[in-house]
Amino acid sequence: MDGGPSPLTSWTFDPAALVALGAVTFAYERRLRTLAARSVRVAGWQKSLFRGGLLVLLFSVVSPLHAFAEEQFLTAHMLQHVLIGDVAPLMLLAGLTGPVLRPLLALPWVGRLRALVHPAIALPLWALNLYLWHIPYAYDGALGNSALHALQHVLFVSAGVLMWAPVVEVLPGPEWFGTGMKLGYIVLVRLFETVLGNVFLWSGGVFYETYDHAARWGLSPSGDQGLAGGVMMLEGSLVTLGALAWLFLRLAHESELRQELLERGLDARAVARAVRYGRGEELSGER
């Protein structure tokens, strides 16, 4: 290793990132106070997830992980990317509700963008963003240009939100995109990610010359690249297992509730819509 500050103690306080995260935090907390004054409840676990998602983003861009990602290891950069492009967006979305989002949704331009969260649009956009940024020319270009690198991170977060939005469904999605379809959607997401991870893991060549000096830490560039692919697939596997477990449990509950409501003689169409949009218990209470 050469002289100079160690990446282990390098904290990056990028004003733009701190201001953006601070603004989102302020807006969220202010909206929570407004809703509380109106006796509109947001579950504690949802608030914790949203705040946790913000902390994941903060850790990813200010901690020594950022220095390692930019200067030392592709593995560190991959970890940073899966945190800001997959883990944080999922946590943020899980912490939102319709009432929390209402002021944002009232903006005309936001309403026009809602089409982007349709599963048939969100998934291709996410996959395209993921693959394009891992093309060597684009990847190395982002590392060499701070503005382009910031744009890369913003697009990873944005694409992650789009990808997860049809699954978490803070706002109602297409009627056909029920829990069973969400299971298939998650499998497709991880198929895209697994293919890319395997390219890094089994490629005979090194894609990004920026990380050649990883050998100074006792890790060859090819070993670093293979480890990065492993990080991508491991993170994807863990998140996928959690998502699939949640969806399977939800599917079992919906099936049981649907059968119960049909046995009570309720209209099949009304039952299907109520269960699809999480209003099955309300329909049951009306009898």
C-alpha atoms as a PDB file:
ATOM      1  CA  MET A   1       0.000   0.000   0.000  1.00  0.00           C
ATOM      2  CA  ASP A   2       1.235   3.530  -0.748  1.00  0.00           C
ATOM      3  CA  GLY A   3       1.163   6.514   1.593  1.00  0.00           C
ATOM      4  CA  GLY A   4      -1.676   8.935   2.174  1.00  0.00           C
ATOM      5  CA  PRO A   5      -4.905   8.707   4.125  1.00  0.00           C
ATOM      6  CA  SER A   6      -6.258   5.207   4.609  1.00  0.00           C
ATOM      7  CA  PRO A   7      -9.650   4.463   3.013  1.00  0.00           C
ATOM      8  CA  LEU A   8     -10.549   2.890   6.352  1.00  0.00           C
ATOM      9  CA  THR A   9     -10.756   6.368   7.874  1.00  0.00           C
ATOM     10  CA  SER A  10     -12.003   8.243   4.807  1.00  0.00           C
ATOM     11  CA  TRP A  11     -15.449   9.744   5.356  1.00  0.00           C
ATOM     12  CA  THR A  12     -16.988  11.630   2.440  1.00  0.00           C
ATOM     13  CA  PHE A  13     -19.300  14.496   3.309  1.00  0.00           C
ATOM     14  CA  ASP A  14     -20.664  15.385  -0.117  1.00  0.00           C
ATOM     15  CA  PRO A  15     -22.830  18.498   0.410  1.00  0.00           C
ATOM     16  CA  ALA A  16     -25.252  17.596  -2.402  1.00  0.00           C
ATOM     17  CA  ALA A  17     -25.913  14.106  -0.998  1.00  0.00           C
ATOM     18  CA  LEU A  18     -26.292  15.403   2.563  1.00  0.00           C
ATOM     19  CA  VAL A  19     -28.673  18.180   1.491  1.00  0.00           C
ATOM     20  CA  ALA A  20     -30.788  15.750  -0.565  1.00  0.00           C
ATOM     21  CA  LEU A  21     -31.058  13.207   2.244  1.00  0.00           C
ATOM     22  CA  GLY A  22     -31.702  15.966   4.774  1.00  0.00           C
ATOM     23  CA  ALA A  23     -34.509  17.381   2.635  1.00  0.00           C
ATOM     24  CA  VAL A  24     -36.194  13.987   2.278  1.00  0.00           C
ATOM     25  CA  THR A  25     -35.879  13.365   6.024  1.00  0.00           C
ATOM     26  CA  PHE A  26     -37.346  16.769   6.853  1.00  0.00           C
ATOM     27  CA  ALA A  27     -40.267  16.304   4.440  1.00  0.00           C
ATOM     28  CA  TYR A  28     -41.044  12.820   5.761  1.00  0.00           C
ATOM     29  CA  GLU A  29     -40.925  13.804   9.443  1.00  0.00           C
ATOM     30  CA  ARG A  30     -42.991  16.917   8.801  1.00  0.00           C
ATOM     31  CA  ARG A  31     -45.638  14.868   6.992  1.00  0.00           C
ATOM     32  CA  LEU A  32     -45.736  12.392   9.873  1.00  0.00           C
ATOM     33  CA  ARG A  33     -46.400  15.239  12.316  1.00  0.00           C
ATOM     34  CA  THR A  34     -49.170  16.589  10.084  1.00  0.00           C
ATOM     35  CA  LEU A  35     -50.830  13.172   9.863  1.00  0.00           C
ATOM     36  CA  ALA A  36     -50.483  12.603  13.606  1.00  0.00           C
ATOM     37  CA  ALA A  37     -52.268  15.919  14.234  1.00  0.00           C
ATOM     38  CA  ARG A  38     -55.119  14.605  12.070  1.00  0.00           C
ATOM     39  CA  SER A  39     -55.122  11.260  13.925  1.00  0.00           C
ATOM     40  CA  VAL A  40     -53.919   9.424  10.816  1.00  0.00           C
ATOM     41  CA  ARG A  41     -51.702   6.592  11.991  1.00  0.00           C
ATOM     42  CA  VAL A  42     -48.517   5.341  10.326  1.00  0.00           C
ATOM     43  CA  ALA A  43     -47.289   2.053  11.783  1.00  0.00           C
ATOM     44  CA  GLY A  44     -44.107   2.176  13.833  1.00  0.00           C
ATOM     45  CA  TRP A  45     -42.448  -0.519  11.730  1.00  0.00           C
ATOM     46  CA  GLN A  46     -43.084   1.536   8.595  1.00  0.00           C
ATOM     47  CA  LYS A  47     -41.474   4.613  10.104  1.00  0.00           C
ATOM     48  CA  SER A  48     -38.506   2.520  11.195  1.00  0.00           C
ATOM     49  CA  LEU A  49     -38.063   1.041   7.716  1.00  0.00           C
ATOM     50  CA  PHE A  50     -38.162   4.425   5.989  1.00  0.00           C
ATOM     51  CA  ARG A  51     -35.671   5.922   8.420  1.00  0.00           C
ATOM     52  CA  GLY A  52     -33.530   2.814   8.072  1.00  0.00           C
ATOM     53  CA  GLY A  53     -33.554   3.199   4.291  1.00  0.00           C
ATOM     54  CA  LEU A  54     -32.292   6.768   4.651  1.00  0.00           C
ATOM     55  CA  LEU A  55     -29.533   5.555   6.976  1.00  0.00           C
ATOM     56  CA  VAL A  56     -28.514   2.889   4.457  1.00  0.00           C
ATOM     57  CA  LEU A  57     -28.200   5.593   1.787  1.00  0.00           C
ATOM     58  CA  LEU A  58     -26.260   7.838   4.150  1.00  0.00           C
ATOM     59  CA  PHE A  59     -23.876   5.028   5.095  1.00  0.00           C
ATOM     60  CA  SER A  60     -23.352   4.151   1.440  1.00  0.00           C
ATOM     61  CA  VAL A  61     -22.252   7.630   0.369  1.00  0.00           C
ATOM     62  CA  VAL A  62     -20.389   9.019   3.397  1.00  0.00           C
ATOM     63  CA  SER A  63     -18.761   6.043   5.127  1.00  0.00           C
ATOM     64  CA  PRO A  64     -15.356   4.531   4.214  1.00  0.00           C
ATOM     65  CA  LEU A  65     -17.296   2.141   1.967  1.00  0.00           C
ATOM     66  CA  HIS A  66     -17.529   5.022  -0.513  1.00  0.00           C
ATOM     67  CA  ALA A  67     -13.763   5.540  -0.527  1.00  0.00           C
ATOM     68  CA  PHE A  68     -13.134   1.835  -1.047  1.00  0.00           C
ATOM     69  CA  ALA A  69     -15.754   1.775  -3.804  1.00  0.00           C
ATOM     70  CA  GLU A  70     -14.144   4.633  -5.722  1.00  0.00           C
ATOM     71  CA  GLU A  71     -10.480   3.851  -5.187  1.00  0.00           C
ATOM     72  CA  GLN A  72      -9.796   0.305  -4.099  1.00  0.00           C
ATOM     73  CA  PHE A  73     -12.228  -2.528  -4.836  1.00  0.00           C
ATOM     74  CA  LEU A  74     -14.899  -3.395  -7.357  1.00  0.00           C
ATOM     75  CA  THR A  75     -16.343  -5.557  -4.568  1.00  0.00           C
ATOM     76  CA  ALA A  76     -16.858  -2.480  -2.393  1.00  0.00           C
ATOM     77  CA  HIS A  77     -18.443  -0.628  -5.297  1.00  0.00           C
ATOM     78  CA  MET A  78     -20.790  -3.528  -5.953  1.00  0.00           C
ATOM     79  CA  LEU A  79     -21.796  -3.600  -2.285  1.00  0.00           C
ATOM     80  CA  GLN A  80     -22.452   0.124  -2.423  1.00  0.00           C
ATOM     81  CA  HIS A  81     -24.576  -0.276  -5.548  1.00  0.00           C
ATOM     82  CA  VAL A  82     -26.768  -3.074  -4.187  1.00  0.00           C
ATOM     83  CA  LEU A  83     -27.338  -1.052  -1.016  1.00  0.00           C
ATOM     84  CA  ILE A  84     -28.411   2.117  -2.840  1.00  0.00           C
ATOM     85  CA  GLY A  85     -30.142   0.367  -5.743  1.00  0.00           C
ATOM     86  CA  ASP A  86     -31.903  -2.517  -4.027  1.00  0.00           C
ATOM     87  CA  VAL A  87     -31.918  -2.536  -0.211  1.00  0.00           C
ATOM     88  CA  ALA A  88     -32.549   1.166   0.430  1.00  0.00           C
ATOM     89  CA  PRO A  89     -35.349   1.564  -2.173  1.00  0.00           C
ATOM     90  CA  LEU A  90     -37.170  -1.466  -0.749  1.00  0.00           C
ATOM     91  CA  MET A  91     -36.931  -0.101   2.800  1.00  0.00           C
ATOM     92  CA  LEU A  92     -38.041   3.372   1.752  1.00  0.00           C
ATOM     93  CA  LEU A  93     -41.073   2.086  -0.141  1.00  0.00           C
ATOM     94  CA  ALA A  94     -42.079  -0.230   2.700  1.00  0.00           C
ATOM     95  CA  GLY A  95     -42.123   2.808   4.972  1.00  0.00           C
ATOM     96  CA  LEU A  96     -44.530   4.816   2.816  1.00  0.00           C
ATOM     97  CA  THR A  97     -48.328   4.946   2.796  1.00  0.00           C
ATOM     98  CA  GLY A  98     -50.896   6.633   0.582  1.00  0.00           C
ATOM     99  CA  PRO A  99     -51.563   9.426   3.118  1.00  0.00           C
ATOM    100  CA  VAL A 100     -47.820  10.096   3.485  1.00  0.00           C
ATOM    101  CA  LEU A 101     -47.462  10.450  -0.286  1.00  0.00           C
ATOM    102  CA  ARG A 102     -50.624  12.499  -0.885  1.00  0.00           C
ATOM    103  CA  PRO A 103     -48.936  15.954  -1.118  1.00  0.00           C
ATOM    104  CA  LEU A 104     -46.380  14.592  -3.572  1.00  0.00           C
ATOM    105  CA  LEU A 105     -49.026  12.860  -5.666  1.00  0.00           C
ATOM    106  CA  ALA A 106     -50.975  16.120  -5.898  1.00  0.00           C
ATOM    107  CA  LEU A 107     -48.209  17.583  -8.072  1.00  0.00           C
ATOM    108  CA  PRO A 108     -49.285  17.336 -11.752  1.00  0.00           C
ATOM    109  CA  TRP A 109     -45.933  16.088 -13.044  1.00  0.00           C
ATOM    110  CA  VAL A 110     -45.838  13.305 -10.427  1.00  0.00           C
ATOM    111  CA  GLY A 111     -49.219  12.048 -11.599  1.00  0.00           C
ATOM    112  CA  ARG A 112     -47.905  11.747 -15.133  1.00  0.00           C
ATOM    113  CA  LEU A 113     -44.924   9.736 -13.927  1.00  0.00           C
ATOM    114  CA  ARG A 114     -47.107   7.133 -12.183  1.00  0.00           C
ATOM    115  CA  ALA A 115     -47.212   5.128 -15.406  1.00  0.00           C
ATOM    116  CA  LEU A 116     -43.545   4.273 -14.832  1.00  0.00           C
ATOM    117  CA  VAL A 117     -44.399   2.028 -11.857  1.00  0.00           C
ATOM    118  CA  HIS A 118     -46.488  -0.277 -14.035  1.00  0.00           C
ATOM    119  CA  PRO A 119     -44.711  -3.663 -13.790  1.00  0.00           C
ATOM    120  CA  ALA A 120     -44.409  -3.991 -17.578  1.00  0.00           C
ATOM    121  CA  ILE A 121     -42.536  -0.668 -17.639  1.00  0.00           C
ATOM    122  CA  ALA A 122     -40.700  -0.653 -14.310  1.00  0.00           C
ATOM    123  CA  LEU A 123     -38.923  -3.981 -14.796  1.00  0.00           C
ATOM    124  CA  PRO A 124     -37.435  -3.230 -18.262  1.00  0.00           C
ATOM    125  CA  LEU A 125     -36.330   0.241 -17.122  1.00  0.00           C
ATOM    126  CA  TRP A 126     -34.632  -1.199 -14.046  1.00  0.00           C
ATOM    127  CA  ALA A 127     -32.892  -3.944 -16.039  1.00  0.00           C
ATOM    128  CA  LEU A 128     -31.759  -1.501 -18.737  1.00  0.00           C
ATOM    129  CA  ASN A 129     -30.342   0.867 -16.128  1.00  0.00           C
ATOM    130  CA  LEU A 130     -28.550  -1.987 -14.345  1.00  0.00           C
ATOM    131  CA  TYR A 131     -26.880  -3.360 -17.456  1.00  0.00           C
ATOM    132  CA  LEU A 132     -25.998  -0.044 -19.112  1.00  0.00           C
ATOM    133  CA  TRP A 133     -24.140   1.261 -16.076  1.00  0.00           C
ATOM    134  CA  HIS A 134     -22.033  -1.916 -15.921  1.00  0.00           C
ATOM    135  CA  ILE A 135     -20.764  -1.495 -19.489  1.00  0.00           C
ATOM    136  CA  PRO A 136     -17.039  -0.692 -18.991  1.00  0.00           C
ATOM    137  CA  TYR A 137     -17.208   2.626 -20.868  1.00  0.00           C
ATOM    138  CA  ALA A 138     -20.095   3.918 -18.753  1.00  0.00           C
ATOM    139  CA  TYR A 139     -18.763   2.457 -15.499  1.00  0.00           C
ATOM    140  CA  ASP A 140     -15.253   3.884 -15.880  1.00  0.00           C
ATOM    141  CA  GLY A 141     -16.721   7.170 -17.079  1.00  0.00           C
ATOM    142  CA  ALA A 142     -18.743   7.504 -13.890  1.00  0.00           C
ATOM    143  CA  LEU A 143     -15.675   6.815 -11.755  1.00  0.00           C
ATOM    144  CA  GLY A 144     -13.775   9.530 -13.589  1.00  0.00           C
ATOM    145  CA  ASN A 145     -16.478  12.192 -13.414  1.00  0.00           C
ATOM    146  CA  SER A 146     -18.087  13.194 -10.107  1.00  0.00           C
ATOM    147  CA  ALA A 147     -21.237  14.605 -11.725  1.00  0.00           C
ATOM    148  CA  LEU A 148     -21.752  11.466 -13.807  1.00  0.00           C
ATOM    149  CA  HIS A 149     -21.086   9.327 -10.739  1.00  0.00           C
ATOM    150  CA  ALA A 150     -23.746  11.227  -8.795  1.00  0.00           C
ATOM    151  CA  LEU A 151     -26.167  10.724 -11.684  1.00  0.00           C
ATOM    152  CA  GLN A 152     -25.367   7.002 -11.653  1.00  0.00           C
ATOM    153  CA  HIS A 153     -26.270   6.767  -7.977  1.00  0.00           C
ATOM    154  CA  VAL A 154     -29.465   8.781  -8.421  1.00  0.00           C
ATOM    155  CA  LEU A 155     -30.533   6.501 -11.263  1.00  0.00           C
ATOM    156  CA  PHE A 156     -29.744   3.371  -9.243  1.00  0.00           C
ATOM    157  CA  VAL A 157     -31.967   4.612  -6.415  1.00  0.00           C
ATOM    158  CA  SER A 158     -34.701   5.727  -8.832  1.00  0.00           C
ATOM    159  CA  ALA A 159     -34.660   2.492 -10.825  1.00  0.00           C
ATOM    160  CA  GLY A 160     -34.726   0.499  -7.577  1.00  0.00           C
ATOM    161  CA  VAL A 161     -37.808   2.396  -6.449  1.00  0.00           C
ATOM    162  CA  LEU A 162     -39.495   1.755  -9.791  1.00  0.00           C
ATOM    163  CA  MET A 163     -38.628  -1.946  -9.681  1.00  0.00           C
ATOM    164  CA  TRP A 164     -39.919  -2.500  -6.131  1.00  0.00           C
ATOM    165  CA  ALA A 165     -42.980  -0.245  -6.416  1.00  0.00           C
ATOM    166  CA  PRO A 166     -45.231  -2.849  -8.137  1.00  0.00           C
ATOM    167  CA  VAL A 167     -44.356  -5.385  -5.426  1.00  0.00           C
ATOM    168  CA  VAL A 168     -44.727  -3.195  -2.348  1.00  0.00           C
ATOM    169  CA  GLU A 169     -47.684  -1.421  -3.978  1.00  0.00           C
ATOM    170  CA  VAL A 170     -48.026   1.655  -1.810  1.00  0.00           C
ATOM    171  CA  LEU A 171     -50.545   2.758  -4.435  1.00  0.00           C
ATOM    172  CA  PRO A 172     -52.946   0.296  -6.111  1.00  0.00           C
ATOM    173  CA  GLY A 173     -51.522  -1.421  -9.183  1.00  0.00           C
ATOM    174  CA  PRO A 174     -53.174  -3.269 -12.078  1.00  0.00           C
ATOM    175  CA  GLU A 175     -55.795  -5.747 -10.949  1.00  0.00           C
ATOM    176  CA  TRP A 176     -54.086  -8.594 -12.827  1.00  0.00           C
ATOM    177  CA  PHE A 177     -50.833  -8.035 -10.925  1.00  0.00           C
ATOM    178  CA  GLY A 178     -51.794  -9.926  -7.805  1.00  0.00           C
ATOM    179  CA  THR A 179     -49.606 -11.847  -5.386  1.00  0.00           C
ATOM    180  CA  GLY A 180     -49.048 -14.760  -7.755  1.00  0.00           C
ATOM    181  CA  MET A 181     -47.839 -12.428 -10.500  1.00  0.00           C
ATOM    182  CA  LYS A 182     -45.594 -10.656  -8.016  1.00  0.00           C
ATOM    183  CA  LEU A 183     -43.879 -13.982  -7.303  1.00  0.00           C
ATOM    184  CA  GLY A 184     -43.052 -14.382 -10.979  1.00  0.00           C
ATOM    185  CA  TYR A 185     -41.948 -10.757 -11.185  1.00  0.00           C
ATOM    186  CA  ILE A 186     -39.433 -11.228  -8.350  1.00  0.00           C
ATOM    187  CA  VAL A 187     -38.050 -14.331 -10.047  1.00  0.00           C
ATOM    188  CA  LEU A 188     -37.523 -12.317 -13.262  1.00  0.00           C
ATOM    189  CA  VAL A 189     -35.778  -9.536 -11.339  1.00  0.00           C
ATOM    190  CA  ARG A 190     -33.329 -11.966  -9.809  1.00  0.00           C
ATOM    191  CA  LEU A 191     -32.796 -13.730 -13.105  1.00  0.00           C
ATOM    192  CA  PHE A 192     -31.530 -10.469 -14.611  1.00  0.00           C
ATOM    193  CA  GLU A 193     -29.292  -9.875 -11.603  1.00  0.00           C
ATOM    194  CA  THR A 194     -28.011 -13.455 -11.478  1.00  0.00           C
ATOM    195  CA  VAL A 195     -26.990 -13.377 -15.137  1.00  0.00           C
ATOM    196  CA  LEU A 196     -24.951 -10.210 -14.572  1.00  0.00           C
ATOM    197  CA  GLY A 197     -23.457 -11.583 -11.365  1.00  0.00           C
ATOM    198  CA  ASN A 198     -22.346 -14.730 -13.146  1.00  0.00           C
ATOM    199  CA  VAL A 199     -20.685 -12.650 -15.859  1.00  0.00           C
ATOM    200  CA  PHE A 200     -18.515 -11.043 -13.183  1.00  0.00           C
ATOM    201  CA  LEU A 201     -17.981 -14.314 -11.360  1.00  0.00           C
ATOM    202  CA  TRP A 202     -16.902 -16.466 -14.303  1.00  0.00           C
ATOM    203  CA  SER A 203     -15.460 -14.018 -16.819  1.00  0.00           C
ATOM    204  CA  GLY A 204     -11.889 -14.774 -17.860  1.00  0.00           C
ATOM    205  CA  GLY A 205     -11.032 -11.089 -18.319  1.00  0.00           C
ATOM    206  CA  VAL A 206     -11.069  -7.985 -16.134  1.00  0.00           C
ATOM    207  CA  PHE A 207     -13.673  -5.405 -17.166  1.00  0.00           C
ATOM    208  CA  TYR A 208     -12.589  -2.346 -15.187  1.00  0.00           C
ATOM    209  CA  GLU A 209      -8.905  -1.425 -15.154  1.00  0.00           C
ATOM    210  CA  THR A 210      -9.560   1.153 -12.431  1.00  0.00           C
ATOM    211  CA  TYR A 211      -9.312  -1.561  -9.820  1.00  0.00           C
ATOM    212  CA  ASP A 212      -5.970  -3.110 -10.809  1.00  0.00           C
ATOM    213  CA  HIS A 213      -4.402  -1.742  -7.640  1.00  0.00           C
ATOM    214  CA  ALA A 214      -6.652  -3.974  -5.532  1.00  0.00           C
ATOM    215  CA  ALA A 215      -3.670  -6.346  -5.704  1.00  0.00           C
ATOM    216  CA  ARG A 216      -1.961  -4.075  -3.176  1.00  0.00           C
ATOM    217  CA  TRP A 217      -4.412  -5.461  -0.640  1.00  0.00           C
ATOM    218  CA  GLY A 218      -3.618  -9.049  -1.604  1.00  0.00           C
ATOM    219  CA  LEU A 219      -6.560  -9.460  -3.985  1.00  0.00           C
ATOM    220  CA  SER A 220      -6.037  -9.852  -7.718  1.00  0.00           C
ATOM    221  CA  PRO A 221      -8.207  -7.824 -10.123  1.00  0.00           C
ATOM    222  CA  SER A 222      -9.872 -11.009 -11.380  1.00  0.00           C
ATOM    223  CA  GLY A 223     -10.453 -12.178  -7.816  1.00  0.00           C
ATOM    224  CA  ASP A 224     -11.924  -8.789  -6.932  1.00  0.00           C
ATOM    225  CA  GLN A 225     -14.259  -8.998  -9.933  1.00  0.00           C
ATOM    226  CA  GLY A 226     -15.378 -12.521  -9.071  1.00  0.00           C
ATOM    227  CA  LEU A 227     -16.007 -11.508  -5.461  1.00  0.00           C
ATOM    228  CA  ALA A 228     -18.057  -8.553  -6.680  1.00  0.00           C
ATOM    229  CA  GLY A 229     -20.238 -10.909  -8.698  1.00  0.00           C
ATOM    230  CA  GLY A 230     -20.658 -13.057  -5.608  1.00  0.00           C
ATOM    231  CA  VAL A 231     -21.736 -10.022  -3.561  1.00  0.00           C
ATOM    232  CA  MET A 232     -24.364  -9.162  -6.176  1.00  0.00           C
ATOM    233  CA  MET A 233     -25.789 -12.678  -6.199  1.00  0.00           C
ATOM    234  CA  LEU A 234     -25.637 -13.151  -2.420  1.00  0.00           C
ATOM    235  CA  GLU A 235     -27.452  -9.898  -1.700  1.00  0.00           C
ATOM    236  CA  GLY A 236     -30.005 -10.703  -4.389  1.00  0.00           C
ATOM    237  CA  SER A 237     -30.564 -14.183  -2.984  1.00  0.00           C
ATOM    238  CA  LEU A 238     -31.106 -12.942   0.579  1.00  0.00           C
ATOM    239  CA  VAL A 239     -33.530 -10.202  -0.454  1.00  0.00           C
ATOM    240  CA  THR A 240     -35.329 -12.572  -2.816  1.00  0.00           C
ATOM    241  CA  LEU A 241     -35.776 -15.231  -0.131  1.00  0.00           C
ATOM    242  CA  GLY A 242     -37.298 -12.645   2.181  1.00  0.00           C
ATOM    243  CA  ALA A 243     -39.581 -11.259  -0.532  1.00  0.00           C
ATOM    244  CA  LEU A 244     -40.710 -14.701  -1.682  1.00  0.00           C
ATOM    245  CA  ALA A 245     -41.405 -15.847   1.887  1.00  0.00           C
ATOM    246  CA  TRP A 246     -43.548 -12.756   2.465  1.00  0.00           C
ATOM    247  CA  LEU A 247     -45.401 -13.241  -0.821  1.00  0.00           C
ATOM    248  CA  PHE A 248     -46.031 -16.955  -0.211  1.00  0.00           C
ATOM    249  CA  LEU A 249     -47.477 -16.208   3.222  1.00  0.00           C
ATOM    250  CA  ARG A 250     -49.616 -13.475   1.701  1.00  0.00           C
ATOM    251  CA  LEU A 251     -50.786 -15.789  -1.071  1.00  0.00           C
ATOM    252  CA  ALA A 252     -51.809 -18.447   1.459  1.00  0.00           C
ATOM    253  CA  HIS A 253     -53.710 -15.884   3.529  1.00  0.00           C
ATOM    254  CA  GLU A 254     -55.476 -14.487   0.457  1.00  0.00           C
ATOM    255  CA  SER A 255     -56.495 -17.961  -0.678  1.00  0.00           C
ATOM    256  CA  GLU A 256     -57.959 -18.780   2.722  1.00  0.00           C
ATOM    257  CA  LEU A 257     -59.772 -15.454   2.978  1.00  0.00           C
ATOM    258  CA  ARG A 258     -61.126 -15.711  -0.575  1.00  0.00           C
ATOM    259  CA  GLN A 259     -62.540 -19.170   0.123  1.00  0.00           C
ATOM    260  CA  GLU A 260     -64.129 -18.004   3.357  1.00  0.00           C
ATOM    261  CA  LEU A 261     -65.842 -15.063   1.668  1.00  0.00           C
ATOM    262  CA  LEU A 262     -67.093 -17.176  -1.229  1.00  0.00           C
ATOM    263  CA  GLU A 263     -68.553 -19.708   1.202  1.00  0.00           C
ATOM    264  CA  ARG A 264     -70.552 -16.856   2.745  1.00  0.00           C
ATOM    265  CA  GLY A 265     -72.246 -16.357  -0.613  1.00  0.00           C
ATOM    266  CA  LEU A 266     -70.592 -13.067  -1.544  1.00  0.00           C
ATOM    267  CA  ASP A 267     -70.221 -12.063  -5.182  1.00  0.00           C
ATOM    268  CA  ALA A 268     -67.136 -13.694  -6.678  1.00  0.00           C
ATOM    269  CA  ARG A 269     -66.072 -10.560  -8.545  1.00  0.00           C
ATOM    270  CA  ALA A 270     -66.391  -8.389  -5.445  1.00  0.00           C
ATOM    271  CA  VAL A 271     -64.450 -10.949  -3.424  1.00  0.00           C
ATOM    272  CA  ALA A 272     -61.650 -11.124  -5.977  1.00  0.00           C
ATOM    273  CA  ARG A 273     -61.203  -7.339  -6.045  1.00  0.00           C
ATOM    274  CA  ALA A 274     -61.420  -6.968  -2.279  1.00  0.00           C
ATOM    275  CA  VAL A 275     -58.842  -9.661  -1.632  1.00  0.00           C
ATOM    276  CA  ARG A 276     -56.587  -8.370  -4.412  1.00  0.00           C
ATOM    277  CA  TYR A 277     -56.421  -4.895  -2.894  1.00  0.00           C
ATOM    278  CA  GLY A 278     -56.228  -5.932   0.754  1.00  0.00           C
ATOM    279  CA  ARG A 279     -59.821  -5.148   1.649  1.00  0.00           C
ATOM    280  CA  GLY A 280     -60.958  -8.717   2.233  1.00  0.00           C
ATOM    281  CA  GLU A 281     -61.280  -8.261   6.006  1.00  0.00           C
ATOM    282  CA  GLU A 282     -63.398  -5.145   5.479  1.00  0.00           C
ATOM    283  CA  LEU A 283     -65.731  -7.066   3.159  1.00  0.00           C
ATOM    284  CA  SER A 284     -65.915  -9.870   5.704  1.00  0.00           C
ATOM    285  CA  GLY A 285     -66.909  -7.395   8.437  1.00  0.00           C
ATOM    286  CA  GLU A 286     -69.797  -6.081   6.364  1.00  0.00           C
ATOM    287  CA  ARG A 287     -71.671  -9.380   6.639  1.00  0.00           C
END
